[in-house]
């Protein structure tokens, strides 16, 4: 069933189950089982062996430890421990008190998260987890729901990194695009820069984030979460399972100061960035440039190093408050326990991603695009839609880039080379859109983890905003294809988003 229409069934069933049951672990598990059975023509024993092989492959691959995955899991555990120390030391409470005296309005608190998201543009994982740690004490104090914080984080991390040349995404894409635009005489960096304004979804998503923050626009399920948070002060539903939430586990130390939160986070930022630069430079060979550093950097290792450094510092500062060692041991244990739900989701997301890869779901969707007899004017729009669905089904934007960018370049080289840049940009835009609405995307998982939001709450509340931007972007790509004019498509996209935001803002105020 590999590479056929049947290959999309496990992904679709899993997505439907997630939306209907809101039980992500159950839905992912069923998707994995069905996919494994499809791979082996419903032979149960072989299917079980496939599931074990996929799970085992997360930890050991080709006879060696899969250090990348293990380092990311290790970082999540370290993040949980650091969060526990920030809570137990009283640093989170002190930071909240300090910020509440300076950022006095809910609007300003909402703006802080996306602004931080744009500033921390180096990597989407780093962005999602760092912004969450910094912004959460403030948004909690202003009764901003964790679901909304997760939206702010998720809808700035990938959109910023996908249009930034100086980021892990940008470096990867510049290297990928370089061999695809040889017929245009463009240099790789030049081609990437030209693609930036054509990335309508990324630009539109950033615009909508700030409109939502400024005008407090709450659409669909987000309204329920925000109304509940404002009326009761509960930023997460009482019955929701939330990774990293320790608000009721520890009584914060009365000796907590602002630096008990800021110092470990600053250490995390500095140690991670320095490690990224060092690993990238070491892997760049004889020619070391900023782009080569970010292209070759080891993000997961760098996060792990930063996590260790921040936990050591947080532990030392906690002990310095005069706390006994038994209590610090409890902090370690509770921090690890708090991150286990997020790790379970991430492990199953990786497993379903591997199953879907074996089923060649992405290759089947790509073949549909390549073989379809469609007018070249509509191809940027088609690439956007197909890339979005592929990223939604597979949970990986990078995998979608790797599959769809070469196909888009090959098709446009034959159909209409003048539209190759818009088409490549449409692939990037569609992949980020699909990533935003996919419950199995690792970026989505880490955004909900960083915000301390229930994962499915984050997915469900973000979908309406993502769809608004996707619809506006689709119209923009159709206009770009028909007119070959960037300014028309970009302006129409942004104007549509503003108009929709104004309408929803007015409706929200009426209620």
Protein backbone atom coordinates (compact mmCIF):
# COMPACT_ATOMS: atom_id res chain seq x y z
CA UNK A 1 0.00 0.00 0.00
CA UNK A 2 3.07 2.22 0.02
CA UNK A 3 2.87 5.23 -2.26
CA UNK A 4 -0.83 4.70 -3.07
CA UNK A 5 -4.03 6.45 -2.08
CA UNK A 6 -4.30 4.01 0.84
CA UNK A 7 -1.15 5.51 2.34
CA UNK A 8 -3.05 8.62 3.46
CA UNK A 9 -5.71 6.65 5.40
CA UNK A 10 -3.76 6.20 8.69
CA UNK A 11 -2.89 9.91 8.81
CA UNK A 12 -6.47 10.99 8.05
CA UNK A 13 -7.97 8.58 10.59
CA UNK A 14 -5.52 9.75 13.24
CA UNK A 15 -6.34 13.42 12.59
CA UNK A 16 -10.09 12.78 12.69
CA UNK A 17 -9.75 10.88 15.97
CA UNK A 18 -7.71 13.70 17.52
CA UNK A 19 -10.38 16.24 16.60
CA UNK A 20 -13.32 14.05 17.69
CA UNK A 21 -11.96 12.53 20.90
CA UNK A 22 -9.40 15.19 21.93
CA UNK A 23 -7.32 12.27 23.24
CA UNK A 24 -4.02 12.74 21.47
CA UNK A 25 -2.18 9.70 22.86
CA UNK A 26 -5.04 7.36 21.99
CA UNK A 27 -5.41 8.84 18.51
CA UNK A 28 -1.69 8.68 17.79
CA UNK A 29 -1.55 5.11 19.05
CA UNK A 30 -4.42 4.02 16.79
CA UNK A 31 -2.80 5.77 13.83
CA UNK A 32 0.47 3.93 14.50
CA UNK A 33 -1.25 0.54 14.72
CA UNK A 34 -3.30 1.07 11.55
CA UNK A 35 -0.26 2.34 9.66
CA UNK A 36 1.85 -0.63 10.74
CA UNK A 37 -0.89 -3.03 9.62
CA UNK A 38 -1.11 -1.25 6.25
CA UNK A 39 2.64 -1.60 5.76
CA UNK A 40 2.48 -5.37 6.30
CA UNK A 41 -0.87 -6.10 4.60
CA UNK A 42 -2.69 -6.60 7.91
CA UNK A 43 -0.33 -9.29 9.22
CA UNK A 44 -0.64 -8.67 12.95
CA UNK A 45 2.68 -10.14 14.04
CA UNK A 46 4.60 -8.27 11.36
CA UNK A 47 2.73 -5.10 12.28
CA UNK A 48 3.72 -5.46 15.93
CA UNK A 49 7.34 -5.98 14.90
CA UNK A 50 7.14 -2.78 12.81
CA UNK A 51 5.81 -0.82 15.79
CA UNK A 52 8.64 -2.11 17.99
CA UNK A 53 11.23 -1.35 15.30
CA UNK A 54 9.95 2.22 14.95
CA UNK A 55 9.96 2.75 18.73
CA UNK A 56 13.41 1.18 19.09
CA UNK A 57 14.68 3.34 16.20
CA UNK A 58 13.99 6.49 18.19
CA UNK A 59 16.73 5.46 20.62
CA UNK A 60 19.07 3.28 18.53
CA UNK A 61 19.55 3.66 14.79
CA UNK A 62 21.90 1.58 12.63
CA UNK A 63 23.50 0.05 15.72
CA UNK A 64 24.31 3.38 17.35
CA UNK A 65 22.55 5.65 19.81
CA UNK A 66 20.25 8.14 18.09
CA UNK A 67 21.85 11.03 19.92
CA UNK A 68 19.75 13.76 18.29
CA UNK A 69 16.43 12.41 19.56
CA UNK A 70 17.89 11.49 22.94
CA UNK A 71 19.35 14.97 23.38
CA UNK A 72 15.99 16.59 22.65
CA UNK A 73 14.25 14.28 25.13
CA UNK A 74 17.00 15.06 27.64
CA UNK A 75 16.51 18.77 27.08
CA UNK A 76 12.77 18.49 27.75
CA UNK A 77 13.51 16.72 31.04
CA UNK A 78 16.05 19.41 31.93
CA UNK A 79 13.52 22.09 31.00
CA UNK A 80 11.03 20.50 33.40
CA UNK A 81 13.64 20.49 36.16
CA UNK A 82 14.59 24.11 35.49
CA UNK A 83 10.91 25.12 35.50
CA UNK A 84 10.46 23.35 38.83
CA UNK A 85 13.39 25.26 40.35
CA UNK A 86 12.08 28.57 38.98
CA UNK A 87 8.74 27.81 40.64
CA UNK A 88 10.09 26.46 43.94
CA UNK A 89 12.67 29.24 44.37
CA UNK A 90 9.98 31.88 44.09
CA UNK A 91 11.63 33.32 40.99
CA UNK A 92 8.52 32.95 38.81
CA UNK A 93 6.35 34.68 41.40
CA UNK A 94 8.89 37.47 41.93
CA UNK A 95 9.23 38.02 38.17
CA UNK A 96 5.45 38.17 37.85
CA UNK A 97 5.27 40.78 40.63
CA UNK A 98 8.08 42.79 39.05
CA UNK A 99 6.62 42.74 35.55
CA UNK A 100 3.07 43.45 36.68
CA UNK A 101 4.29 46.78 38.07
CA UNK A 102 5.78 47.70 34.70
CA UNK A 103 3.46 46.09 32.19
CA UNK A 104 0.11 47.18 33.58
CA UNK A 105 -2.29 46.26 30.78
CA UNK A 106 -3.44 42.96 29.38
CA UNK A 107 -2.70 44.21 25.87
CA UNK A 108 0.93 44.94 26.72
CA UNK A 109 1.30 41.51 28.30
CA UNK A 110 -0.12 39.89 25.16
CA UNK A 111 2.27 41.86 22.96
CA UNK A 112 5.28 40.74 24.95
CA UNK A 113 5.10 37.12 23.78
CA UNK A 114 5.12 37.74 19.98
CA UNK A 115 7.77 40.44 20.35
CA UNK A 116 10.00 37.95 22.16
CA UNK A 117 9.17 35.41 19.46
CA UNK A 118 10.53 37.73 16.79
CA UNK A 119 13.63 38.62 18.80
CA UNK A 120 14.52 34.96 19.46
CA UNK A 121 14.62 33.88 15.80
CA UNK A 122 17.57 31.49 15.81
CA UNK A 123 15.61 28.22 15.94
CA UNK A 124 11.95 27.25 16.30
CA UNK A 125 12.51 24.74 19.12
CA UNK A 126 14.65 27.22 21.03
CA UNK A 127 12.12 29.98 20.34
CA UNK A 128 9.11 27.98 21.54
CA UNK A 129 10.65 26.84 24.80
CA UNK A 130 12.55 30.01 25.73
CA UNK A 131 9.68 32.42 25.02
CA UNK A 132 7.33 30.27 27.07
CA UNK A 133 9.61 30.36 30.11
CA UNK A 134 10.01 34.14 29.95
CA UNK A 135 6.44 35.16 29.11
CA UNK A 136 4.45 32.68 31.21
CA UNK A 137 4.76 34.40 34.63
CA UNK A 138 3.56 37.69 33.11
CA UNK A 139 0.70 36.32 31.03
CA UNK A 140 -0.47 34.26 34.02
CA UNK A 141 -0.65 37.39 36.14
CA UNK A 142 -2.83 39.13 33.54
CA UNK A 143 -5.13 36.09 33.29
CA UNK A 144 -4.17 35.33 29.69
CA UNK A 145 -4.99 31.72 28.92
CA UNK A 146 -2.13 29.32 28.31
CA UNK A 147 -3.82 28.34 25.03
CA UNK A 148 -3.43 31.92 23.81
CA UNK A 149 0.19 32.05 24.92
CA UNK A 150 0.81 28.82 22.99
CA UNK A 151 -0.76 30.42 19.91
CA UNK A 152 1.50 33.47 20.23
CA UNK A 153 4.55 31.21 20.57
CA UNK A 154 3.70 28.79 17.75
CA UNK A 155 2.61 31.47 15.30
CA UNK A 156 5.82 33.44 15.67
CA UNK A 157 8.45 30.69 15.97
CA UNK A 158 8.19 28.93 12.58
CA UNK A 159 7.03 32.01 10.61
CA UNK A 160 10.02 34.00 11.85
CA UNK A 161 12.63 31.28 11.34
CA UNK A 162 11.34 30.35 7.85
CA UNK A 163 11.93 33.90 6.55
CA UNK A 164 15.17 34.56 8.43
CA UNK A 165 18.43 33.73 6.61
CA UNK A 166 20.27 33.73 9.94
CA UNK A 167 18.48 30.79 11.53
CA UNK A 168 18.64 27.00 11.48
CA UNK A 169 15.70 26.95 9.05
CA UNK A 170 17.13 29.66 6.82
CA UNK A 171 20.51 27.97 6.54
CA UNK A 172 18.87 24.62 5.72
CA UNK A 173 16.62 26.18 3.09
CA UNK A 174 19.41 28.19 1.45
CA UNK A 175 21.39 24.98 1.04
CA UNK A 176 18.32 23.18 -0.31
CA UNK A 177 17.26 25.91 -2.70
CA UNK A 178 20.76 26.47 -4.10
CA UNK A 179 20.61 23.48 -6.42
CA UNK A 180 17.03 24.17 -7.51
CA UNK A 181 17.38 27.64 -9.04
CA UNK A 182 20.34 27.07 -11.35
CA UNK A 183 18.18 27.88 -14.38
CA UNK A 184 17.52 31.39 -13.00
CA UNK A 185 21.17 32.41 -12.50
CA UNK A 186 20.32 33.34 -8.89
CA UNK A 187 22.72 32.66 -6.05
CA UNK A 188 21.28 30.55 -3.19
CA UNK A 189 21.10 33.42 -0.68
CA UNK A 190 19.74 35.78 -3.33
CA UNK A 191 17.01 33.28 -4.24
CA UNK A 192 16.06 32.82 -0.57
CA UNK A 193 15.84 36.58 0.00
CA UNK A 194 13.63 36.95 -3.09
CA UNK A 195 11.35 34.23 -1.71
CA UNK A 196 10.76 36.06 1.58
CA UNK A 197 8.03 38.50 0.40
CA UNK A 198 6.32 35.65 -1.48
CA UNK A 199 5.96 33.67 1.76
CA UNK A 200 2.45 34.99 2.27
CA UNK A 201 1.45 32.65 5.08
CA UNK A 202 4.47 33.42 7.28
CA UNK A 203 4.05 37.18 6.85
CA UNK A 204 0.28 36.95 7.29
CA UNK A 205 0.59 34.80 10.42
CA UNK A 206 2.91 37.35 12.04
CA UNK A 207 0.51 40.17 11.14
CA UNK A 208 -2.48 38.33 12.62
CA UNK A 209 -0.59 37.52 15.83
CA UNK A 210 -0.07 41.22 16.52
CA UNK A 211 -3.64 42.09 15.57
CA UNK A 212 -4.88 39.42 17.97
CA UNK A 213 -2.62 40.74 20.74
CA UNK A 214 -3.54 44.41 20.20
CA UNK A 215 -7.29 44.01 19.72
CA UNK A 216 -7.76 40.89 21.89
CA UNK A 217 -9.39 38.92 19.08
CA UNK A 218 -10.69 35.60 20.35
CA UNK A 219 -12.07 33.29 17.67
CA UNK A 220 -13.79 29.94 18.10
CA UNK A 221 -12.48 27.79 21.00
CA UNK A 222 -10.07 30.56 22.01
CA UNK A 223 -13.00 32.67 23.21
CA UNK A 224 -13.99 29.98 25.70
CA UNK A 225 -10.46 29.75 27.11
CA UNK A 226 -10.00 33.51 27.35
CA UNK A 227 -13.41 34.11 28.89
CA UNK A 228 -12.75 31.44 31.49
CA UNK A 229 -9.29 32.86 32.27
CA UNK A 230 -10.58 36.43 32.66
CA UNK A 231 -13.56 35.50 34.82
CA UNK A 232 -11.96 32.92 37.09
CA UNK A 233 -8.23 33.64 36.93
CA UNK A 234 -7.61 30.04 35.86
CA UNK A 235 -5.30 30.20 32.83
CA UNK A 236 -5.72 26.48 32.17
CA UNK A 237 -8.88 24.39 32.58
CA UNK A 238 -8.91 22.55 35.89
CA UNK A 239 -9.40 19.19 34.17
CA UNK A 240 -6.68 19.67 31.54
CA UNK A 241 -3.43 17.73 31.63
CA UNK A 242 -0.65 20.24 31.15
CA UNK A 243 3.06 19.46 30.73
CA UNK A 244 5.41 21.50 32.88
CA UNK A 245 2.70 23.00 35.10
CA UNK A 246 3.82 22.96 38.74
CA UNK A 247 1.74 25.82 40.08
CA UNK A 248 0.06 23.63 42.70
CA UNK A 249 3.05 21.37 43.43
CA UNK A 250 5.37 23.72 45.30
CA UNK A 251 4.87 26.56 47.69
CA UNK A 252 7.20 29.25 46.30
CA UNK A 253 10.03 30.33 48.56
CA UNK A 254 9.46 33.65 50.31
CA UNK A 255 13.09 34.53 49.53
CA UNK A 256 12.57 34.42 45.78
CA UNK A 257 13.88 37.34 43.74
CA UNK A 258 13.59 38.27 40.06
CA UNK A 259 17.14 37.08 39.39
CA UNK A 260 16.15 33.56 40.48
CA UNK A 261 14.17 33.37 37.23
CA UNK A 262 16.20 35.61 34.94
CA UNK A 263 19.68 34.21 35.63
CA UNK A 264 18.91 30.55 34.73
CA UNK A 265 17.04 31.65 31.59
CA UNK A 266 19.86 33.96 30.51
CA UNK A 267 22.32 31.11 31.11
CA UNK A 268 20.08 28.87 28.97
CA UNK A 269 20.06 31.44 26.16
CA UNK A 270 23.78 32.15 26.23
CA UNK A 271 24.90 28.53 26.62
CA UNK A 272 22.62 27.36 23.81
CA UNK A 273 23.65 30.09 21.36
CA UNK A 274 27.35 29.67 22.12
CA UNK A 275 27.06 25.92 21.66
CA UNK A 276 25.21 26.41 18.37
CA UNK A 277 27.97 28.70 17.11
CA UNK A 278 30.75 26.34 18.22
CA UNK A 279 29.17 23.18 16.78
CA UNK A 280 28.28 25.00 13.56
CA UNK A 281 31.79 26.42 13.15
CA UNK A 282 33.43 23.06 13.86
CA UNK A 283 31.26 21.37 11.23
CA UNK A 284 31.76 24.07 8.59
CA UNK A 285 35.18 22.91 7.42
CA UNK A 286 37.67 25.40 6.10
CA UNK A 287 35.13 28.10 5.18
CA UNK A 288 33.31 29.42 8.23
CA UNK A 289 30.58 31.99 7.65
CA UNK A 290 27.45 32.96 9.57
CA UNK A 291 25.36 30.98 7.10
CA UNK A 292 27.61 27.93 7.29
CA UNK A 293 27.46 28.04 11.09
CA UNK A 294 23.66 27.94 11.15
CA UNK A 295 23.53 25.39 8.36
CA UNK A 296 25.78 22.96 10.23
CA UNK A 297 24.91 23.70 13.85
CA UNK A 298 23.75 20.88 16.11
CA UNK A 299 20.56 22.32 17.58
CA UNK A 300 19.55 19.38 19.78
CA UNK A 301 23.03 19.06 21.31
CA UNK A 302 23.14 22.82 21.90
CA UNK A 303 19.76 22.77 23.63
CA UNK A 304 20.95 19.89 25.82
CA UNK A 305 24.11 21.78 26.79
CA UNK A 306 22.07 24.91 27.53
CA UNK A 307 19.63 22.85 29.58
CA UNK A 308 22.38 21.33 31.72
CA UNK A 309 23.97 24.73 32.34
CA UNK A 310 20.66 26.34 33.32
CA UNK A 311 19.69 23.49 35.67
CA UNK A 312 23.09 23.61 37.41
CA UNK A 313 22.76 27.35 37.93
CA UNK A 314 19.13 27.10 39.09
CA UNK A 315 20.06 24.32 41.53
CA UNK A 316 22.96 26.28 43.01
CA UNK A 317 20.80 29.38 43.44
CA UNK A 318 18.06 27.32 45.07
CA UNK A 319 20.47 25.70 47.53
CA UNK A 320 21.93 29.14 48.28
CA UNK A 321 18.50 30.14 49.63
CA UNK A 322 19.11 27.76 52.53
CA UNK A 323 16.86 24.97 51.28
CA UNK A 324 17.61 21.43 52.42
CA UNK A 325 18.81 18.79 49.98
CA UNK A 326 15.74 16.60 50.43
CA UNK A 327 13.51 19.37 49.09
CA UNK A 328 15.81 19.93 46.11
CA UNK A 329 15.55 16.21 45.34
CA UNK A 330 11.77 16.56 45.23
CA UNK A 331 12.14 19.46 42.81
CA UNK A 332 14.17 17.27 40.45
CA UNK A 333 11.61 14.46 40.59
CA UNK A 334 8.57 16.70 40.14
CA UNK A 335 10.24 18.56 37.26
CA UNK A 336 10.87 15.30 35.42
CA UNK A 337 7.34 14.05 36.09
CA UNK A 338 5.85 17.29 34.78
CA UNK A 339 7.51 16.83 31.38
CA UNK A 340 6.55 13.19 30.84
CA UNK A 341 3.18 13.94 29.12
CA UNK A 342 4.94 16.12 26.53
CA UNK A 343 7.57 13.44 25.95
CA UNK A 344 4.92 10.76 25.48
CA UNK A 345 3.24 12.87 22.80
CA UNK A 346 6.57 13.62 21.11
CA UNK A 347 7.56 9.94 21.04
CA UNK A 348 4.26 8.89 19.49
CA UNK A 349 4.44 11.80 17.03
CA UNK A 350 7.88 10.59 15.92
CA UNK A 351 6.54 7.06 15.59
CA UNK A 352 3.54 8.02 13.44
CA UNK A 353 5.87 10.21 11.37
CA UNK A 354 8.14 7.23 10.71
CA UNK A 355 5.16 5.01 9.83
CA UNK A 356 3.81 7.63 7.43
CA UNK A 357 7.26 7.97 5.89
CA UNK A 358 7.41 4.22 5.28
CA UNK A 359 3.95 4.34 3.71
CA UNK A 360 5.32 7.06 1.37
CA UNK A 361 2.34 9.33 2.04
CA UNK A 362 4.36 12.40 1.11
CA UNK A 363 5.63 10.83 -2.10
CA UNK A 364 2.06 9.91 -3.10
CA UNK A 365 0.82 13.48 -2.57
CA UNK A 366 3.83 14.84 -4.42
CA UNK A 367 3.09 12.50 -7.34
CA UNK A 368 -0.46 13.88 -7.54
CA UNK A 369 0.91 17.39 -7.97
CA UNK A 370 3.54 16.35 -10.49
CA UNK A 371 1.13 14.37 -12.66
CA UNK A 372 -1.82 16.78 -12.54
CA UNK A 373 -2.53 18.71 -15.72
CA UNK A 374 -3.02 22.15 -14.16
CA UNK A 375 -2.57 25.64 -15.61
CA UNK A 376 0.80 27.08 -14.63
CA UNK A 377 -0.95 30.20 -13.30
CA UNK A 378 -2.56 28.12 -10.55
CA UNK A 379 0.56 26.19 -9.60
CA UNK A 380 1.73 28.51 -6.76
CA UNK A 381 -1.72 28.07 -5.18
CA UNK A 382 -1.65 24.29 -5.78
CA UNK A 383 1.83 23.96 -4.25
CA UNK A 384 0.64 25.91 -1.20
CA UNK A 385 -2.39 23.65 -0.69
CA UNK A 386 -0.56 20.37 -1.26
CA UNK A 387 2.38 21.34 0.93
CA UNK A 388 -0.05 22.32 3.66
CA UNK A 389 -1.86 19.01 3.51
CA UNK A 390 1.41 17.09 3.38
CA UNK A 391 2.77 18.85 6.48
CA UNK A 392 -0.57 18.34 8.25
CA UNK A 393 -0.57 14.62 7.49
CA UNK A 394 3.12 13.95 8.13
CA UNK A 395 3.72 16.44 10.95
CA UNK A 396 6.96 17.70 9.46
CA UNK A 397 7.58 20.96 7.66
CA UNK A 398 11.23 20.09 6.97
CA UNK A 399 10.22 16.78 5.42
CA UNK A 400 7.71 18.64 3.28
CA UNK A 401 10.42 21.07 2.18
CA UNK A 402 12.68 18.19 1.17
CA UNK A 403 9.99 16.49 -0.91
CA UNK A 404 8.06 19.39 -2.41
CA UNK A 405 10.76 21.98 -3.18
CA UNK A 406 12.54 19.83 -5.82
CA UNK A 407 9.17 18.92 -7.39
CA UNK A 408 8.07 22.57 -7.49
CA UNK A 409 11.35 23.59 -9.12
CA UNK A 410 11.17 20.76 -11.66
CA UNK A 411 7.55 21.48 -12.58
CA UNK A 412 8.01 25.25 -12.87
CA UNK A 413 11.20 24.89 -14.93
CA UNK A 414 8.99 23.26 -17.57
CA UNK A 415 5.68 25.08 -17.01
CA UNK A 416 6.73 28.70 -16.33
CA UNK A 417 10.18 29.56 -15.02
CA UNK A 418 9.05 33.12 -14.16
CA UNK A 419 6.91 31.68 -11.37
CA UNK A 420 9.60 29.47 -9.84
CA UNK A 421 10.35 31.82 -6.90
CA UNK A 422 6.65 32.28 -5.99
CA UNK A 423 6.13 28.51 -6.26
CA UNK A 424 9.09 27.65 -4.03
CA UNK A 425 7.90 30.25 -1.52
CA UNK A 426 4.39 28.76 -1.68
CA UNK A 427 5.85 25.38 -0.66
CA UNK A 428 7.49 26.97 2.38
CA UNK A 429 4.29 28.80 3.27
CA UNK A 430 2.13 25.69 2.91
CA UNK A 431 4.51 23.61 5.00
CA UNK A 432 4.37 26.11 7.87
CA UNK A 433 0.55 26.25 7.63
CA UNK A 434 0.30 22.45 7.77
CA UNK A 435 2.74 22.43 10.67
CA UNK A 436 0.52 24.88 12.56
CA UNK A 437 -2.62 22.75 12.30
CA UNK A 438 -0.99 19.34 12.77
CA UNK A 439 -1.30 17.79 16.24
CA UNK A 440 1.70 15.55 15.49
CA UNK A 441 4.09 18.37 14.59
CA UNK A 442 7.03 18.50 16.99
CA UNK A 443 6.99 22.31 16.83
CA UNK A 444 3.33 22.30 17.86
CA UNK A 445 4.10 19.90 20.71
CA UNK A 446 6.97 22.06 21.94
CA UNK A 447 4.90 25.25 21.67
CA UNK A 448 2.23 23.82 23.95
CA UNK A 449 4.99 22.53 26.24
CA UNK A 450 6.72 25.91 26.38
CA UNK A 451 3.46 27.68 27.13
CA UNK A 452 2.34 25.10 29.68
CA UNK A 453 -0.84 24.53 27.69
CA UNK A 454 -2.80 21.35 27.13
CA UNK A 455 -1.66 20.12 23.72
CA UNK A 456 -5.07 19.55 22.14
CA UNK A 457 -6.36 22.85 23.54
CA UNK A 458 -3.49 24.54 21.72
CA UNK A 459 -4.17 22.72 18.45
CA UNK A 460 -7.91 23.44 18.51
CA UNK A 461 -7.54 27.11 19.42
CA UNK A 462 -4.85 27.78 16.83
CA UNK A 463 -6.66 26.18 13.87
CA UNK A 464 -9.15 29.04 13.21
CA UNK A 465 -6.36 31.63 13.10
CA UNK A 466 -4.23 29.45 10.82
CA UNK A 467 -7.17 28.87 8.47
CA UNK A 468 -7.86 32.62 8.22
CA UNK A 469 -4.28 33.28 7.13
CA UNK A 470 -4.31 30.25 4.81
CA UNK A 471 -7.47 31.42 3.02
CA UNK A 472 -6.06 34.92 2.54
CA UNK A 473 -2.75 33.45 1.36
CA UNK A 474 -4.52 31.16 -1.11
CA UNK A 475 -6.22 34.16 -2.73
CA UNK A 476 -2.88 35.94 -2.79
CA UNK A 477 -1.17 33.03 -4.56
CA UNK A 478 -3.95 32.82 -7.13
CA UNK A 479 -3.51 36.53 -7.88
CA UNK A 480 0.28 36.21 -8.08
CA UNK A 481 -0.10 33.33 -10.53
CA UNK A 482 -2.57 35.23 -12.70
CA UNK A 483 -0.77 38.59 -12.70
CA UNK A 484 2.85 37.62 -11.87
CA UNK A 485 2.83 40.66 -9.58
CA UNK A 486 4.03 40.24 -6.00
CA UNK A 487 2.63 43.51 -4.72
CA UNK A 488 -0.94 42.64 -5.70
CA UNK A 489 -0.93 39.22 -4.06
CA UNK A 490 0.84 40.42 -0.90
CA UNK A 491 -1.36 43.48 -0.42
CA UNK A 492 -4.59 41.57 -0.98
CA UNK A 493 -3.47 38.90 1.49
CA UNK A 494 -2.61 41.40 4.21
CA UNK A 495 -5.71 43.54 3.61
CA UNK A 496 -7.96 40.47 3.82
CA UNK A 497 -6.36 39.47 7.13
CA UNK A 498 -6.86 42.98 8.53
CA UNK A 499 -10.50 43.08 7.38
CA UNK A 500 -11.25 39.67 8.90
CA UNK A 501 -9.50 40.72 12.12
CA UNK A 502 -11.57 43.92 12.31
CA UNK A 503 -14.80 41.96 11.79
CA UNK A 504 -13.98 39.44 14.50
CA UNK A 505 -12.80 42.23 16.81
CA UNK A 506 -16.16 43.97 16.42
CA UNK A 507 -18.04 40.72 17.01
CA UNK A 508 -15.97 40.03 20.12
CA UNK A 509 -16.74 43.45 21.59
CA UNK A 510 -20.47 42.99 20.94
CA UNK A 511 -20.41 39.86 23.09
